[in-house]
């Protein structure tokens, strides 16, 4: 329970290592200083793998670090959908 709000953190819907698909274009919000703001980080439909899960206290939502080809992007659940099994060969390696 969060001592400041008294609210239990919401459990993540997705798990580490799970493959997901970006529902929208994911662009740089300034988190990547080496890339221009609004630069494309992962296009809609890109497949990635969850490499870590955090929590945004102000939103009471899980935040997923997703490894897409070329970069790791912080995503909310509303930006992702699980990739169907069999879409890509399961190799056990990060993309």
N, C-alpha and C. Protein backbone atom coordinates (compact mmCIF):
# COMPACT_ATOMS: atom_id res chain seq x y z
N UNK A 1 0.85 -1.18 0.00
CA UNK A 1 0.00 0.00 0.00
C UNK A 1 0.89 1.24 0.00
N UNK A 2 0.51 2.23 -0.76
CA UNK A 2 1.23 3.49 -0.80
C UNK A 2 0.88 4.27 0.46
N UNK A 3 1.89 4.61 1.25
CA UNK A 3 1.67 5.30 2.52
C UNK A 3 1.05 6.68 2.32
N UNK A 4 1.34 7.33 1.20
CA UNK A 4 0.83 8.69 0.98
C UNK A 4 -0.63 8.69 0.53
N UNK A 5 -1.02 7.71 -0.30
CA UNK A 5 -2.37 7.73 -0.84
C UNK A 5 -3.29 6.71 -0.19
N UNK A 6 -2.71 5.68 0.43
CA UNK A 6 -3.53 4.63 1.02
C UNK A 6 -4.13 3.70 -0.03
N UNK A 7 -3.63 3.76 -1.25
CA UNK A 7 -4.16 2.96 -2.35
C UNK A 7 -3.15 1.87 -2.71
N UNK A 8 -3.65 0.65 -2.89
CA UNK A 8 -2.80 -0.46 -3.33
C UNK A 8 -2.36 -0.22 -4.77
N UNK A 9 -1.08 -0.47 -5.07
CA UNK A 9 -0.64 -0.36 -6.48
C UNK A 9 -1.39 -1.38 -7.34
N UNK A 10 -1.78 -0.94 -8.53
CA UNK A 10 -2.50 -1.82 -9.45
C UNK A 10 -1.53 -2.85 -10.00
N UNK A 11 -1.97 -4.10 -10.03
CA UNK A 11 -1.15 -5.20 -10.54
C UNK A 11 -0.99 -5.09 -12.05
N UNK A 12 0.21 -5.40 -12.57
CA UNK A 12 0.41 -5.35 -14.01
C UNK A 12 -0.38 -6.45 -14.73
N UNK A 13 -0.86 -6.13 -15.92
CA UNK A 13 -1.58 -7.10 -16.74
C UNK A 13 -0.61 -7.97 -17.55
N UNK A 14 0.61 -7.46 -17.78
CA UNK A 14 1.60 -8.16 -18.58
C UNK A 14 2.78 -8.55 -17.71
N UNK A 15 3.60 -9.50 -18.19
CA UNK A 15 4.71 -10.03 -17.40
C UNK A 15 6.05 -9.79 -18.09
N UNK A 16 7.12 -9.84 -17.30
CA UNK A 16 8.48 -9.76 -17.85
C UNK A 16 8.64 -10.84 -18.90
N UNK A 17 9.29 -10.51 -19.99
CA UNK A 17 9.54 -11.49 -21.05
C UNK A 17 8.40 -11.67 -22.02
N UNK A 18 7.25 -11.08 -21.71
CA UNK A 18 6.09 -11.22 -22.60
C UNK A 18 6.29 -10.35 -23.83
N UNK A 19 5.90 -10.89 -24.98
CA UNK A 19 5.96 -10.11 -26.22
C UNK A 19 4.66 -9.33 -26.38
N UNK A 20 4.81 -8.08 -26.81
CA UNK A 20 3.67 -7.18 -26.96
C UNK A 20 3.78 -6.44 -28.28
N UNK A 21 2.68 -5.84 -28.68
CA UNK A 21 2.61 -5.06 -29.92
C UNK A 21 2.20 -3.64 -29.56
N UNK A 22 2.87 -2.65 -30.15
CA UNK A 22 2.53 -1.25 -29.95
C UNK A 22 1.23 -0.93 -30.67
N UNK A 23 0.26 -0.36 -29.95
CA UNK A 23 -1.03 -0.02 -30.55
C UNK A 23 -1.00 1.31 -31.30
N UNK A 24 -0.04 2.16 -30.96
CA UNK A 24 0.10 3.47 -31.59
C UNK A 24 1.57 3.71 -31.88
N UNK A 25 1.85 4.72 -32.70
CA UNK A 25 3.24 5.15 -32.89
C UNK A 25 3.74 5.66 -31.54
N UNK A 26 4.91 5.21 -31.13
CA UNK A 26 5.53 5.66 -29.88
C UNK A 26 6.64 6.63 -30.24
N UNK A 27 6.49 7.87 -29.80
CA UNK A 27 7.44 8.92 -30.16
C UNK A 27 8.17 9.44 -28.94
N UNK A 28 9.31 10.07 -29.18
CA UNK A 28 10.14 10.61 -28.12
C UNK A 28 9.44 11.78 -27.44
N UNK A 29 9.24 11.65 -26.14
CA UNK A 29 8.63 12.72 -25.35
C UNK A 29 9.69 13.59 -24.68
N UNK A 30 10.95 13.39 -25.08
CA UNK A 30 12.07 14.10 -24.48
C UNK A 30 12.92 13.18 -23.61
N UNK A 31 12.49 11.93 -23.44
CA UNK A 31 13.23 10.97 -22.63
C UNK A 31 14.54 10.54 -23.29
N UNK A 32 14.63 10.69 -24.59
CA UNK A 32 15.83 10.34 -25.33
C UNK A 32 16.47 11.64 -25.83
N UNK A 33 17.39 12.23 -25.04
CA UNK A 33 17.97 13.52 -25.43
C UNK A 33 18.78 13.47 -26.72
N UNK A 34 19.25 12.26 -27.11
CA UNK A 34 20.05 12.14 -28.33
C UNK A 34 19.17 12.10 -29.58
N UNK A 35 17.87 12.04 -29.40
CA UNK A 35 16.93 12.03 -30.54
C UNK A 35 16.02 13.26 -30.45
N UNK A 36 15.56 13.76 -31.59
CA UNK A 36 14.66 14.91 -31.56
C UNK A 36 13.33 14.56 -30.85
N UNK A 37 12.75 15.55 -30.19
CA UNK A 37 11.43 15.37 -29.61
C UNK A 37 10.47 15.04 -30.74
N UNK A 38 9.56 14.13 -30.51
CA UNK A 38 8.59 13.62 -31.48
C UNK A 38 9.19 12.67 -32.51
N UNK A 39 10.46 12.29 -32.35
CA UNK A 39 11.06 11.29 -33.26
C UNK A 39 10.41 9.93 -32.98
N UNK A 40 10.22 9.14 -34.02
CA UNK A 40 9.63 7.81 -33.89
C UNK A 40 10.57 6.87 -33.15
N UNK A 41 10.06 6.25 -32.09
CA UNK A 41 10.83 5.24 -31.35
C UNK A 41 10.39 3.84 -31.74
N UNK A 42 9.09 3.65 -31.90
CA UNK A 42 8.54 2.37 -32.35
C UNK A 42 7.23 2.67 -33.07
N UNK A 43 7.10 2.16 -34.28
CA UNK A 43 5.89 2.40 -35.08
C UNK A 43 4.75 1.51 -34.61
N UNK A 44 3.54 1.97 -34.86
CA UNK A 44 2.34 1.16 -34.59
C UNK A 44 2.52 -0.21 -35.23
N UNK A 45 2.25 -1.26 -34.45
CA UNK A 45 2.40 -2.62 -34.94
C UNK A 45 3.74 -3.24 -34.65
N UNK A 46 4.69 -2.45 -34.13
CA UNK A 46 6.00 -3.00 -33.79
C UNK A 46 5.86 -4.00 -32.65
N UNK A 47 6.67 -5.05 -32.73
CA UNK A 47 6.66 -6.09 -31.69
C UNK A 47 7.85 -5.87 -30.79
N UNK A 48 7.59 -5.95 -29.48
CA UNK A 48 8.65 -5.79 -28.50
C UNK A 48 8.51 -6.81 -27.39
N UNK A 49 9.46 -6.77 -26.47
CA UNK A 49 9.46 -7.69 -25.33
C UNK A 49 9.61 -6.89 -24.05
N UNK A 50 8.79 -7.17 -23.07
CA UNK A 50 8.85 -6.47 -21.79
C UNK A 50 10.11 -6.91 -21.05
N UNK A 51 10.96 -5.92 -20.70
CA UNK A 51 12.22 -6.22 -20.04
C UNK A 51 12.25 -5.73 -18.59
N UNK A 52 11.24 -4.96 -18.18
CA UNK A 52 11.14 -4.52 -16.80
C UNK A 52 9.76 -3.92 -16.59
N UNK A 53 9.32 -3.91 -15.33
CA UNK A 53 8.02 -3.33 -15.00
C UNK A 53 8.20 -2.43 -13.78
N UNK A 54 7.73 -1.20 -13.92
CA UNK A 54 7.76 -0.25 -12.82
C UNK A 54 6.34 0.17 -12.48
N UNK A 55 6.22 1.28 -11.75
CA UNK A 55 4.91 1.76 -11.34
C UNK A 55 4.91 3.29 -11.32
N UNK A 56 3.94 3.89 -11.99
CA UNK A 56 3.76 5.34 -11.96
C UNK A 56 2.79 5.65 -10.81
N UNK A 57 3.33 6.15 -9.70
CA UNK A 57 2.51 6.38 -8.52
C UNK A 57 1.41 7.39 -8.76
N UNK A 58 1.72 8.46 -9.50
CA UNK A 58 0.70 9.49 -9.72
C UNK A 58 -0.48 8.98 -10.54
N UNK A 59 -0.25 7.97 -11.39
CA UNK A 59 -1.32 7.38 -12.19
C UNK A 59 -1.87 6.10 -11.58
N UNK A 60 -1.14 5.54 -10.61
CA UNK A 60 -1.42 4.21 -10.05
C UNK A 60 -1.55 3.18 -11.16
N UNK A 61 -0.55 3.20 -12.06
CA UNK A 61 -0.53 2.27 -13.19
C UNK A 61 0.86 1.68 -13.36
N UNK A 62 0.91 0.43 -13.81
CA UNK A 62 2.21 -0.14 -14.17
C UNK A 62 2.79 0.58 -15.38
N UNK A 63 4.11 0.67 -15.41
CA UNK A 63 4.83 1.20 -16.56
C UNK A 63 5.76 0.09 -17.03
N UNK A 64 5.68 -0.24 -18.30
CA UNK A 64 6.45 -1.33 -18.87
C UNK A 64 7.62 -0.78 -19.67
N UNK A 65 8.81 -1.32 -19.43
CA UNK A 65 9.94 -1.02 -20.29
C UNK A 65 9.97 -2.11 -21.35
N UNK A 66 9.77 -1.68 -22.60
CA UNK A 66 9.63 -2.63 -23.70
C UNK A 66 10.81 -2.45 -24.66
N UNK A 67 11.50 -3.56 -24.92
CA UNK A 67 12.60 -3.56 -25.88
C UNK A 67 12.02 -3.74 -27.28
N UNK A 68 12.02 -2.66 -28.02
CA UNK A 68 11.66 -2.71 -29.43
C UNK A 68 12.97 -2.73 -30.21
N UNK A 69 12.92 -2.99 -31.48
CA UNK A 69 14.14 -2.96 -32.28
C UNK A 69 14.73 -1.56 -32.21
N UNK A 70 15.91 -1.44 -31.66
CA UNK A 70 16.59 -0.15 -31.63
C UNK A 70 16.54 0.60 -30.32
N UNK A 71 15.55 0.37 -29.46
CA UNK A 71 15.51 1.11 -28.20
C UNK A 71 14.53 0.48 -27.21
N UNK A 72 14.68 0.90 -25.96
CA UNK A 72 13.76 0.50 -24.90
C UNK A 72 12.84 1.68 -24.65
N UNK A 73 11.53 1.43 -24.63
CA UNK A 73 10.53 2.49 -24.49
C UNK A 73 9.65 2.21 -23.28
N UNK A 74 9.40 3.25 -22.48
CA UNK A 74 8.45 3.15 -21.37
C UNK A 74 7.03 3.25 -21.92
N UNK A 75 6.18 2.28 -21.58
CA UNK A 75 4.82 2.22 -22.13
C UNK A 75 3.80 1.96 -21.03
N UNK A 76 2.60 2.48 -21.23
CA UNK A 76 1.46 2.16 -20.37
C UNK A 76 0.67 1.02 -21.02
N UNK A 77 -0.19 0.37 -20.23
CA UNK A 77 -0.98 -0.75 -20.76
C UNK A 77 -1.83 -0.35 -21.96
N UNK A 78 -2.36 0.86 -21.96
CA UNK A 78 -3.24 1.28 -23.06
C UNK A 78 -2.49 1.43 -24.38
N UNK A 79 -1.14 1.40 -24.33
CA UNK A 79 -0.34 1.53 -25.54
C UNK A 79 0.09 0.18 -26.11
N UNK A 80 -0.29 -0.91 -25.41
CA UNK A 80 0.20 -2.24 -25.78
C UNK A 80 -0.94 -3.25 -25.87
N UNK A 81 -0.68 -4.32 -26.60
CA UNK A 81 -1.56 -5.48 -26.65
C UNK A 81 -0.65 -6.71 -26.70
N UNK A 82 -1.03 -7.81 -26.06
CA UNK A 82 -0.17 -9.00 -26.11
C UNK A 82 -0.02 -9.52 -27.54
N UNK A 83 1.19 -9.95 -27.88
CA UNK A 83 1.42 -10.56 -29.18
C UNK A 83 0.91 -12.00 -29.13
N UNK A 84 0.17 -12.43 -30.13
CA UNK A 84 -0.33 -13.81 -30.13
C UNK A 84 0.82 -14.81 -30.18
N UNK A 85 0.67 -15.95 -29.48
CA UNK A 85 1.66 -17.01 -29.55
C UNK A 85 1.78 -17.49 -30.98
N UNK A 86 3.02 -17.76 -31.39
CA UNK A 86 3.24 -18.25 -32.74
C UNK A 86 3.48 -17.14 -33.76
N UNK A 87 3.29 -15.87 -33.35
CA UNK A 87 3.53 -14.76 -34.29
C UNK A 87 5.00 -14.73 -34.71
N UNK A 88 5.88 -14.96 -33.74
CA UNK A 88 7.31 -15.03 -33.99
C UNK A 88 7.83 -16.30 -33.35
N UNK A 89 8.90 -16.86 -33.87
CA UNK A 89 9.48 -18.04 -33.20
C UNK A 89 9.91 -17.67 -31.79
N UNK A 90 9.63 -18.52 -30.84
CA UNK A 90 10.04 -18.28 -29.45
C UNK A 90 11.48 -18.74 -29.31
N UNK A 91 12.40 -17.79 -29.11
CA UNK A 91 13.81 -18.13 -29.04
C UNK A 91 14.36 -18.02 -27.64
N UNK A 92 13.67 -17.30 -26.77
CA UNK A 92 14.19 -17.06 -25.43
C UNK A 92 15.18 -15.91 -25.39
N UNK A 93 15.46 -15.30 -26.53
CA UNK A 93 16.38 -14.17 -26.58
C UNK A 93 15.61 -12.88 -26.74
N UNK A 94 16.20 -11.79 -26.22
CA UNK A 94 15.58 -10.49 -26.41
C UNK A 94 15.70 -10.10 -27.86
N UNK A 95 14.76 -9.31 -28.30
CA UNK A 95 14.75 -8.86 -29.69
C UNK A 95 15.80 -7.81 -29.90
